mmCIF file of all heavy atoms, coordinates in Angstrom:
data_MODEL
# 
_entry.id   MODEL 
# 
loop_
_atom_site.group_PDB 
_atom_site.id 
_atom_site.type_symbol 
_atom_site.label_atom_id 
_atom_site.label_alt_id 
_atom_site.label_comp_id 
_atom_site.label_asym_id 
_atom_site.label_entity_id 
_atom_site.label_seq_id 
_atom_site.pdbx_PDB_ins_code 
_atom_site.Cartn_x 
_atom_site.Cartn_y 
_atom_site.Cartn_z 
_atom_site.occupancy 
_atom_site.B_iso_or_equiv 
_atom_site.pdbx_formal_charge 
_atom_site.auth_seq_id 
_atom_site.auth_comp_id 
_atom_site.auth_asym_id 
_atom_site.auth_atom_id 
_atom_site.pdbx_PDB_model_num 
ATOM 1   N N   . ALA A 1 1  ? 77.650 146.977 64.886 1.00 0.00 ? 1  ALA A N   1 
ATOM 2   C CA  . ALA A 1 1  ? 78.267 148.296 64.853 1.00 0.00 ? 1  ALA A CA  1 
ATOM 3   C C   . ALA A 1 1  ? 78.410 148.771 63.383 1.00 0.00 ? 1  ALA A C   1 
ATOM 4   O O   . ALA A 1 1  ? 78.226 147.977 62.467 1.00 0.00 ? 1  ALA A O   1 
ATOM 5   C CB  . ALA A 1 1  ? 79.632 148.239 65.485 1.00 0.00 ? 1  ALA A CB  1 
ATOM 6   N N   . PRO A 1 2  ? 78.718 150.068 63.182 1.00 0.00 ? 2  PRO A N   1 
ATOM 7   C CA  . PRO A 1 2  ? 78.889 150.535 61.811 1.00 0.00 ? 2  PRO A CA  1 
ATOM 8   C C   . PRO A 1 2  ? 79.936 149.688 61.040 1.00 0.00 ? 2  PRO A C   1 
ATOM 9   O O   . PRO A 1 2  ? 80.897 149.187 61.642 1.00 0.00 ? 2  PRO A O   1 
ATOM 10  C CB  . PRO A 1 2  ? 79.379 151.972 61.977 1.00 0.00 ? 2  PRO A CB  1 
ATOM 11  C CG  . PRO A 1 2  ? 78.789 152.373 63.322 1.00 0.00 ? 2  PRO A CG  1 
ATOM 12  C CD  . PRO A 1 2  ? 78.853 151.133 64.142 1.00 0.00 ? 2  PRO A CD  1 
ATOM 13  N N   . ILE A 1 3  ? 79.728 149.531 59.741 1.00 0.00 ? 3  ILE A N   1 
ATOM 14  C CA  . ILE A 1 3  ? 80.613 148.737 58.911 1.00 0.00 ? 3  ILE A CA  1 
ATOM 15  C C   . ILE A 1 3  ? 81.195 149.634 57.790 1.00 0.00 ? 3  ILE A C   1 
ATOM 16  O O   . ILE A 1 3  ? 80.455 150.365 57.142 1.00 0.00 ? 3  ILE A O   1 
ATOM 17  C CB  . ILE A 1 3  ? 79.819 147.572 58.254 1.00 0.00 ? 3  ILE A CB  1 
ATOM 18  C CG1 . ILE A 1 3  ? 79.249 146.662 59.340 1.00 0.00 ? 3  ILE A CG1 1 
ATOM 19  C CG2 . ILE A 1 3  ? 80.727 146.763 57.297 1.00 0.00 ? 3  ILE A CG2 1 
ATOM 20  C CD1 . ILE A 1 3  ? 78.320 145.606 58.762 1.00 0.00 ? 3  ILE A CD1 1 
ATOM 21  N N   . LYS A 1 4  ? 82.502 149.531 57.621 1.00 0.00 ? 4  LYS A N   1 
ATOM 22  C CA  . LYS A 1 4  ? 83.189 150.183 56.515 1.00 0.00 ? 4  LYS A CA  1 
ATOM 23  C C   . LYS A 1 4  ? 83.709 149.091 55.570 1.00 0.00 ? 4  LYS A C   1 
ATOM 24  O O   . LYS A 1 4  ? 84.191 148.064 56.033 1.00 0.00 ? 4  LYS A O   1 
ATOM 25  C CB  . LYS A 1 4  ? 84.356 151.030 57.042 1.00 0.00 ? 4  LYS A CB  1 
ATOM 26  C CG  . LYS A 1 4  ? 83.922 152.226 57.843 1.00 0.00 ? 4  LYS A CG  1 
ATOM 27  C CD  . LYS A 1 4  ? 85.187 153.071 58.245 1.00 0.00 ? 4  LYS A CD  1 
ATOM 28  C CE  . LYS A 1 4  ? 84.823 154.351 58.967 1.00 0.00 ? 4  LYS A CE  1 
ATOM 29  N NZ  . LYS A 1 4  ? 84.268 154.078 60.311 1.00 0.00 ? 4  LYS A NZ  1 
ATOM 30  N N   . ALA A 1 5  ? 83.598 149.338 54.312 1.00 0.00 ? 5  ALA A N   1 
ATOM 31  C CA  . ALA A 1 5  ? 84.115 148.377 53.344 1.00 0.00 ? 5  ALA A CA  1 
ATOM 32  C C   . ALA A 1 5  ? 84.590 149.110 52.099 1.00 0.00 ? 5  ALA A C   1 
ATOM 33  O O   . ALA A 1 5  ? 84.072 150.184 51.772 1.00 0.00 ? 5  ALA A O   1 
ATOM 34  C CB  . ALA A 1 5  ? 83.034 147.347 52.955 1.00 0.00 ? 5  ALA A CB  1 
ATOM 35  N N   . ILE A 1 6  ? 85.533 148.550 51.367 1.00 0.00 ? 6  ILE A N   1 
ATOM 36  C CA  . ILE A 1 6  ? 86.059 149.085 50.132 1.00 0.00 ? 6  ILE A CA  1 
ATOM 37  C C   . ILE A 1 6  ? 86.020 147.994 49.114 1.00 0.00 ? 6  ILE A C   1 
ATOM 38  O O   . ILE A 1 6  ? 86.501 146.849 49.353 1.00 0.00 ? 6  ILE A O   1 
ATOM 39  C CB  . ILE A 1 6  ? 87.469 149.625 50.304 1.00 0.00 ? 6  ILE A CB  1 
ATOM 40  C CG1 . ILE A 1 6  ? 87.520 150.775 51.303 1.00 0.00 ? 6  ILE A CG1 1 
ATOM 41  C CG2 . ILE A 1 6  ? 88.049 150.115 48.954 1.00 0.00 ? 6  ILE A CG2 1 
ATOM 42  C CD1 . ILE A 1 6  ? 88.906 151.322 51.606 1.00 0.00 ? 6  ILE A CD1 1 
ATOM 43  N N   . GLY A 1 7  ? 85.463 148.239 47.933 1.00 0.00 ? 7  GLY A N   1 
ATOM 44  C CA  . GLY A 1 7  ? 85.362 147.199 46.918 1.00 0.00 ? 7  GLY A CA  1 
ATOM 45  C C   . GLY A 1 7  ? 84.985 147.779 45.582 1.00 0.00 ? 7  GLY A C   1 
ATOM 46  O O   . GLY A 1 7  ? 85.240 148.906 45.233 1.00 0.00 ? 7  GLY A O   1 
ATOM 47  N N   . TYR A 1 8  ? 84.311 146.922 44.773 1.00 0.00 ? 8  TYR A N   1 
ATOM 48  C CA  . TYR A 1 8  ? 83.975 147.238 43.422 1.00 0.00 ? 8  TYR A CA  1 
ATOM 49  C C   . TYR A 1 8  ? 82.459 147.267 43.241 1.00 0.00 ? 8  TYR A C   1 
ATOM 50  O O   . TYR A 1 8  ? 81.734 146.504 43.895 1.00 0.00 ? 8  TYR A O   1 
ATOM 51  C CB  . TYR A 1 8  ? 84.577 146.230 42.445 1.00 0.00 ? 8  TYR A CB  1 
ATOM 52  C CG  . TYR A 1 8  ? 86.095 146.354 42.360 1.00 0.00 ? 8  TYR A CG  1 
ATOM 53  C CD1 . TYR A 1 8  ? 86.903 145.521 43.108 1.00 0.00 ? 8  TYR A CD1 1 
ATOM 54  C CD2 . TYR A 1 8  ? 86.683 147.316 41.523 1.00 0.00 ? 8  TYR A CD2 1 
ATOM 55  C CE1 . TYR A 1 8  ? 88.292 145.637 43.046 1.00 0.00 ? 8  TYR A CE1 1 
ATOM 56  C CE2 . TYR A 1 8  ? 88.084 147.433 41.458 1.00 0.00 ? 8  TYR A CE2 1 
ATOM 57  C CZ  . TYR A 1 8  ? 88.879 146.598 42.245 1.00 0.00 ? 8  TYR A CZ  1 
ATOM 58  O OH  . TYR A 1 8  ? 90.260 146.692 42.172 1.00 0.00 ? 8  TYR A OH  1 
ATOM 59  N N   . SER A 1 9  ? 81.969 148.147 42.355 1.00 0.00 ? 9  SER A N   1 
ATOM 60  C CA  . SER A 1 9  ? 80.561 148.219 41.995 1.00 0.00 ? 9  SER A CA  1 
ATOM 61  C C   . SER A 1 9  ? 80.346 147.615 40.648 1.00 0.00 ? 9  SER A C   1 
ATOM 62  O O   . SER A 1 9  ? 81.038 147.956 39.662 1.00 0.00 ? 9  SER A O   1 
ATOM 63  C CB  . SER A 1 9  ? 80.094 149.671 42.025 1.00 0.00 ? 9  SER A CB  1 
ATOM 64  O OG  . SER A 1 9  ? 80.126 150.201 43.324 1.00 0.00 ? 9  SER A OG  1 
ATOM 65  N N   . LEU A 1 10 ? 79.386 146.689 40.562 1.00 0.00 ? 10 LEU A N   1 
ATOM 66  C CA  . LEU A 1 10 ? 79.089 145.957 39.322 1.00 0.00 ? 10 LEU A CA  1 
ATOM 67  C C   . LEU A 1 10 ? 77.667 146.189 38.869 1.00 0.00 ? 10 LEU A C   1 
ATOM 68  O O   . LEU A 1 10 ? 76.756 146.200 39.707 1.00 0.00 ? 10 LEU A O   1 
ATOM 69  C CB  . LEU A 1 10 ? 79.314 144.456 39.518 1.00 0.00 ? 10 LEU A CB  1 
ATOM 70  C CG  . LEU A 1 10 ? 80.672 144.058 40.086 1.00 0.00 ? 10 LEU A CG  1 
ATOM 71  C CD1 . LEU A 1 10 ? 80.633 142.562 40.525 1.00 0.00 ? 10 LEU A CD1 1 
ATOM 72  C CD2 . LEU A 1 10 ? 81.816 144.251 39.060 1.00 0.00 ? 10 LEU A CD2 1 
ATOM 73  N N   . PRO A 1 11 ? 77.419 146.338 37.584 1.00 0.00 ? 11 PRO A N   1 
ATOM 74  C CA  . PRO A 1 11 ? 76.039 146.546 37.093 1.00 0.00 ? 11 PRO A CA  1 
ATOM 75  C C   . PRO A 1 11 ? 75.290 145.219 37.007 1.00 0.00 ? 11 PRO A C   1 
ATOM 76  O O   . PRO A 1 11 ? 75.954 144.140 37.051 1.00 0.00 ? 11 PRO A O   1 
ATOM 77  C CB  . PRO A 1 11 ? 76.267 147.122 35.707 1.00 0.00 ? 11 PRO A CB  1 
ATOM 78  C CG  . PRO A 1 11 ? 77.547 146.502 35.253 1.00 0.00 ? 11 PRO A CG  1 
ATOM 79  C CD  . PRO A 1 11 ? 78.376 146.417 36.494 1.00 0.00 ? 11 PRO A CD  1 
ATOM 80  N N   . PRO A 1 12 ? 73.974 145.215 36.848 1.00 0.00 ? 12 PRO A N   1 
ATOM 81  C CA  . PRO A 1 12 ? 73.226 143.949 36.624 1.00 0.00 ? 12 PRO A CA  1 
ATOM 82  C C   . PRO A 1 12 ? 73.737 143.284 35.353 1.00 0.00 ? 12 PRO A C   1 
ATOM 83  O O   . PRO A 1 12 ? 74.247 143.950 34.435 1.00 0.00 ? 12 PRO A O   1 
ATOM 84  C CB  . PRO A 1 12 ? 71.762 144.433 36.474 1.00 0.00 ? 12 PRO A CB  1 
ATOM 85  C CG  . PRO A 1 12 ? 71.722 145.707 37.185 1.00 0.00 ? 12 PRO A CG  1 
ATOM 86  C CD  . PRO A 1 12 ? 73.092 146.369 36.916 1.00 0.00 ? 12 PRO A CD  1 
ATOM 87  N N   . ARG A 1 13 ? 73.601 141.957 35.262 1.00 0.00 ? 13 ARG A N   1 
ATOM 88  C CA  . ARG A 1 13 ? 74.104 141.238 34.101 1.00 0.00 ? 13 ARG A CA  1 
ATOM 89  C C   . ARG A 1 13 ? 73.315 141.608 32.841 1.00 0.00 ? 13 ARG A C   1 
ATOM 90  O O   . ARG A 1 13 ? 72.092 141.705 32.862 1.00 0.00 ? 13 ARG A O   1 
ATOM 91  C CB  . ARG A 1 13 ? 73.984 139.707 34.341 1.00 0.00 ? 13 ARG A CB  1 
ATOM 92  C CG  . ARG A 1 13 ? 75.011 139.221 35.335 1.00 0.00 ? 13 ARG A CG  1 
ATOM 93  C CD  . ARG A 1 13 ? 74.909 137.709 35.496 1.00 0.00 ? 13 ARG A CD  1 
ATOM 94  N NE  . ARG A 1 13 ? 75.928 137.193 36.379 1.00 0.00 ? 13 ARG A NE  1 
ATOM 95  C CZ  . ARG A 1 13 ? 75.781 137.184 37.716 1.00 0.00 ? 13 ARG A CZ  1 
ATOM 96  N NH1 . ARG A 1 13 ? 74.696 137.595 38.274 1.00 0.00 ? 13 ARG A NH1 1 
ATOM 97  N NH2 . ARG A 1 13 ? 76.762 136.735 38.477 1.00 0.00 ? 13 ARG A NH2 1 
ATOM 98  N N   . ASP A 1 14 ? 74.067 141.808 31.782 1.00 0.00 ? 14 ASP A N   1 
ATOM 99  C CA  . ASP A 1 14 ? 73.478 142.021 30.415 1.00 0.00 ? 14 ASP A CA  1 
ATOM 100 C C   . ASP A 1 14 ? 72.527 143.215 30.358 1.00 0.00 ? 14 ASP A C   1 
ATOM 101 O O   . ASP A 1 14 ? 71.676 143.325 29.512 1.00 0.00 ? 14 ASP A O   1 
ATOM 102 C CB  . ASP A 1 14 ? 72.742 140.777 29.959 1.00 0.00 ? 14 ASP A CB  1 
ATOM 103 C CG  . ASP A 1 14 ? 73.638 139.530 29.926 1.00 0.00 ? 14 ASP A CG  1 
ATOM 104 O OD1 . ASP A 1 14 ? 74.788 139.693 29.569 1.00 0.00 ? 14 ASP A OD1 1 
ATOM 105 O OD2 . ASP A 1 14 ? 73.139 138.474 30.301 1.00 0.00 ? 14 ASP A OD2 1 
ATOM 106 N N   . GLY A 1 15 ? 72.635 144.135 31.355 1.00 0.00 ? 15 GLY A N   1 
ATOM 107 C CA  . GLY A 1 15 ? 71.817 145.297 31.338 1.00 0.00 ? 15 GLY A CA  1 
ATOM 108 C C   . GLY A 1 15 ? 70.345 145.069 31.602 1.00 0.00 ? 15 GLY A C   1 
ATOM 109 O O   . GLY A 1 15 ? 69.501 145.949 31.406 1.00 0.00 ? 15 GLY A O   1 
ATOM 110 N N   . ARG A 1 16 ? 70.006 143.852 32.064 1.00 0.00 ? 16 ARG A N   1 
ATOM 111 C CA  . ARG A 1 16 ? 68.573 143.536 32.265 1.00 0.00 ? 16 ARG A CA  1 
ATOM 112 C C   . ARG A 1 16 ? 68.101 144.137 33.579 1.00 0.00 ? 16 ARG A C   1 
ATOM 113 O O   . ARG A 1 16 ? 68.871 144.596 34.397 1.00 0.00 ? 16 ARG A O   1 
ATOM 114 C CB  . ARG A 1 16 ? 68.327 142.046 32.280 1.00 0.00 ? 16 ARG A CB  1 
ATOM 115 C CG  . ARG A 1 16 ? 69.077 141.274 33.385 1.00 0.00 ? 16 ARG A CG  1 
ATOM 116 C CD  . ARG A 1 16 ? 68.799 139.760 33.268 1.00 0.00 ? 16 ARG A CD  1 
ATOM 117 N NE  . ARG A 1 16 ? 69.572 139.014 34.210 1.00 0.00 ? 16 ARG A NE  1 
ATOM 118 C CZ  . ARG A 1 16 ? 69.264 138.841 35.464 1.00 0.00 ? 16 ARG A CZ  1 
ATOM 119 N NH1 . ARG A 1 16 ? 68.171 139.397 35.951 1.00 0.00 ? 16 ARG A NH1 1 
ATOM 120 N NH2 . ARG A 1 16 ? 69.999 138.119 36.272 1.00 0.00 ? 16 ARG A NH2 1 
ATOM 121 N N   . GLU A 1 17 ? 66.771 144.096 33.795 1.00 0.00 ? 17 GLU A N   1 
ATOM 122 C CA  . GLU A 1 17 ? 66.200 144.662 34.992 1.00 0.00 ? 17 GLU A CA  1 
ATOM 123 C C   . GLU A 1 17 ? 66.626 143.819 36.210 1.00 0.00 ? 17 GLU A C   1 
ATOM 124 O O   . GLU A 1 17 ? 66.628 142.607 36.147 1.00 0.00 ? 17 GLU A O   1 
ATOM 125 C CB  . GLU A 1 17 ? 64.673 144.679 34.900 1.00 0.00 ? 17 GLU A CB  1 
ATOM 126 C CG  . GLU A 1 17 ? 63.998 145.404 36.072 1.00 0.00 ? 17 GLU A CG  1 
ATOM 127 C CD  . GLU A 1 17 ? 62.523 145.492 35.888 1.00 0.00 ? 17 GLU A CD  1 
ATOM 128 O OE1 . GLU A 1 17 ? 62.028 145.167 34.772 1.00 0.00 ? 17 GLU A OE1 1 
ATOM 129 O OE2 . GLU A 1 17 ? 61.819 145.860 36.823 1.00 0.00 ? 17 GLU A OE2 1 
ATOM 130 N N   . TRP A 1 18 ? 66.967 144.506 37.267 1.00 0.00 ? 18 TRP A N   1 
ATOM 131 C CA  . TRP A 1 18 ? 67.436 143.838 38.487 1.00 0.00 ? 18 TRP A CA  1 
ATOM 132 C C   . TRP A 1 18 ? 66.318 143.094 39.168 1.00 0.00 ? 18 TRP A C   1 
ATOM 133 O O   . TRP A 1 18 ? 65.160 143.522 39.228 1.00 0.00 ? 18 TRP A O   1 
ATOM 134 C CB  . TRP A 1 18 ? 67.962 144.895 39.436 1.00 0.00 ? 18 TRP A CB  1 
ATOM 135 C CG  . TRP A 1 18 ? 68.272 144.448 40.806 1.00 0.00 ? 18 TRP A CG  1 
ATOM 136 C CD1 . TRP A 1 18 ? 69.320 143.643 41.213 1.00 0.00 ? 18 TRP A CD1 1 
ATOM 137 C CD2 . TRP A 1 18 ? 67.530 144.712 41.985 1.00 0.00 ? 18 TRP A CD2 1 
ATOM 138 N NE1 . TRP A 1 18 ? 69.281 143.424 42.556 1.00 0.00 ? 18 TRP A NE1 1 
ATOM 139 C CE2 . TRP A 1 18 ? 68.153 144.053 43.093 1.00 0.00 ? 18 TRP A CE2 1 
ATOM 140 C CE3 . TRP A 1 18 ? 66.351 145.439 42.253 1.00 0.00 ? 18 TRP A CE3 1 
ATOM 141 C CZ2 . TRP A 1 18 ? 67.686 144.098 44.369 1.00 0.00 ? 18 TRP A CZ2 1 
ATOM 142 C CZ3 . TRP A 1 18 ? 65.881 145.483 43.539 1.00 0.00 ? 18 TRP A CZ3 1 
ATOM 143 C CH2 . TRP A 1 18 ? 66.522 144.839 44.603 1.00 0.00 ? 18 TRP A CH2 1 
ATOM 144 N N   . ASN A 1 19 ? 66.640 141.894 39.677 1.00 0.00 ? 19 ASN A N   1 
ATOM 145 C CA  . ASN A 1 19 ? 65.701 141.065 40.442 1.00 0.00 ? 19 ASN A CA  1 
ATOM 146 C C   . ASN A 1 19 ? 66.346 140.741 41.783 1.00 0.00 ? 19 ASN A C   1 
ATOM 147 O O   . ASN A 1 19 ? 67.469 140.204 41.814 1.00 0.00 ? 19 ASN A O   1 
ATOM 148 C CB  . ASN A 1 19 ? 65.400 139.772 39.666 1.00 0.00 ? 19 ASN A CB  1 
ATOM 149 C CG  . ASN A 1 19 ? 64.399 138.872 40.396 1.00 0.00 ? 19 ASN A CG  1 
ATOM 150 O OD1 . ASN A 1 19 ? 64.727 138.294 41.442 1.00 0.00 ? 19 ASN A OD1 1 
ATOM 151 N ND2 . ASN A 1 19 ? 63.200 138.751 39.844 1.00 0.00 ? 19 ASN A ND2 1 
ATOM 152 N N   . PRO A 1 20 ? 65.696 141.008 42.912 1.00 0.00 ? 20 PRO A N   1 
ATOM 153 C CA  . PRO A 1 20 ? 66.306 140.862 44.213 1.00 0.00 ? 20 PRO A CA  1 
ATOM 154 C C   . PRO A 1 20 ? 66.704 139.408 44.519 1.00 0.00 ? 20 PRO A C   1 
ATOM 155 O O   . PRO A 1 20 ? 67.555 139.162 45.378 1.00 0.00 ? 20 PRO A O   1 
ATOM 156 C CB  . PRO A 1 20 ? 65.237 141.374 45.194 1.00 0.00 ? 20 PRO A CB  1 
ATOM 157 C CG  . PRO A 1 20 ? 63.962 141.284 44.454 1.00 0.00 ? 20 PRO A CG  1 
ATOM 158 C CD  . PRO A 1 20 ? 64.321 141.535 43.018 1.00 0.00 ? 20 PRO A CD  1 
ATOM 159 N N   . TYR A 1 21 ? 66.008 138.438 43.943 1.00 0.00 ? 21 TYR A N   1 
ATOM 160 C CA  . TYR A 1 21 ? 66.309 137.024 44.227 1.00 0.00 ? 21 TYR A CA  1 
ATOM 161 C C   . TYR A 1 21 ? 67.365 136.484 43.260 1.00 0.00 ? 21 TYR A C   1 
ATOM 162 O O   . TYR A 1 21 ? 68.386 135.958 43.642 1.00 0.00 ? 21 TYR A O   1 
ATOM 163 C CB  . TYR A 1 21 ? 65.059 136.168 44.192 1.00 0.00 ? 21 TYR A CB  1 
ATOM 164 C CG  . TYR A 1 21 ? 63.965 136.635 45.112 1.00 0.00 ? 21 TYR A CG  1 
ATOM 165 C CD1 . TYR A 1 21 ? 62.646 136.726 44.681 1.00 0.00 ? 21 TYR A CD1 1 
ATOM 166 C CD2 . TYR A 1 21 ? 64.225 137.022 46.424 1.00 0.00 ? 21 TYR A CD2 1 
ATOM 167 C CE1 . TYR A 1 21 ? 61.638 137.156 45.508 1.00 0.00 ? 21 TYR A CE1 1 
ATOM 168 C CE2 . TYR A 1 21 ? 63.251 137.462 47.257 1.00 0.00 ? 21 TYR A CE2 1 
ATOM 169 C CZ  . TYR A 1 21 ? 61.937 137.519 46.802 1.00 0.00 ? 21 TYR A CZ  1 
ATOM 170 O OH  . TYR A 1 21 ? 60.946 137.965 47.642 1.00 0.00 ? 21 TYR A OH  1 
ATOM 171 N N   . ASP A 1 22 ? 67.060 136.608 41.965 1.00 0.00 ? 22 ASP A N   1 
ATOM 172 C CA  . ASP A 1 22 ? 67.951 136.000 40.965 1.00 0.00 ? 22 ASP A CA  1 
ATOM 173 C C   . ASP A 1 22 ? 69.312 136.660 40.915 1.00 0.00 ? 22 ASP A C   1 
ATOM 174 O O   . ASP A 1 22 ? 70.310 136.068 40.506 1.00 0.00 ? 22 ASP A O   1 
ATOM 175 C CB  . ASP A 1 22 ? 67.318 136.115 39.600 1.00 0.00 ? 22 ASP A CB  1 
ATOM 176 C CG  . ASP A 1 22 ? 66.011 135.318 39.471 1.00 0.00 ? 22 ASP A CG  1 
ATOM 177 O OD1 . ASP A 1 22 ? 65.829 134.405 40.280 1.00 0.00 ? 22 ASP A OD1 1 
ATOM 178 O OD2 . ASP A 1 22 ? 65.214 135.594 38.577 1.00 0.00 ? 22 ASP A OD2 1 
ATOM 179 N N   . ASP A 1 23 ? 69.388 137.928 41.355 1.00 0.00 ? 23 ASP A N   1 
ATOM 180 C CA  . ASP A 1 23 ? 70.669 138.636 41.319 1.00 0.00 ? 23 ASP A CA  1 
ATOM 181 C C   . ASP A 1 23 ? 71.401 138.654 42.649 1.00 0.00 ? 23 ASP A C   1 
ATOM 182 O O   . ASP A 1 23 ? 72.350 139.412 42.823 1.00 0.00 ? 23 ASP A O   1 
ATOM 183 C CB  . ASP A 1 23 ? 70.434 140.056 40.827 1.00 0.00 ? 23 ASP A CB  1 
ATOM 184 C CG  . ASP A 1 23 ? 70.070 140.105 39.346 1.00 0.00 ? 23 ASP A CG  1 
ATOM 185 O OD1 . ASP A 1 23 ? 70.734 139.389 38.590 1.00 0.00 ? 23 ASP A OD1 1 
ATOM 186 O OD2 . ASP A 1 23 ? 69.163 140.844 38.985 1.00 0.00 ? 23 ASP A OD2 1 
ATOM 187 N N   . ALA A 1 24 ? 70.997 137.831 43.582 1.00 0.00 ? 24 ALA A N   1 
ATOM 188 C CA  . ALA A 1 24 ? 71.754 137.702 44.841 1.00 0.00 ? 24 ALA A CA  1 
ATOM 189 C C   . ALA A 1 24 ? 73.100 137.083 44.522 1.00 0.00 ? 24 ALA A C   1 
ATOM 190 O O   . ALA A 1 24 ? 73.266 136.432 43.465 1.00 0.00 ? 24 ALA A O   1 
ATOM 191 C CB  . ALA A 1 24 ? 70.989 136.809 45.821 1.00 0.00 ? 24 ALA A CB  1 
ATOM 192 N N   . SER A 1 25 ? 74.072 137.264 45.415 1.00 0.00 ? 25 SER A N   1 
ATOM 193 C CA  . SER A 1 25 ? 75.425 136.729 45.226 1.00 0.00 ? 25 SER A CA  1 
ATOM 194 C C   . SER A 1 25 ? 75.977 137.091 43.841 1.00 0.00 ? 25 SER A C   1 
ATOM 195 O O   . SER A 1 25 ? 76.592 136.240 43.141 1.00 0.00 ? 25 SER A O   1 
ATOM 196 C CB  . SER A 1 25 ? 75.492 135.206 45.445 1.00 0.00 ? 25 SER A CB  1 
ATOM 197 O OG  . SER A 1 25 ? 74.677 134.554 44.520 1.00 0.00 ? 25 SER A OG  1 
# 
């Protein structure tokens, strides 16, 4: 079913390019 969540938004570490595997969790 639809999901609602409230939290915080964080940028990639050290401003580097995002990687879908290394930046998981």
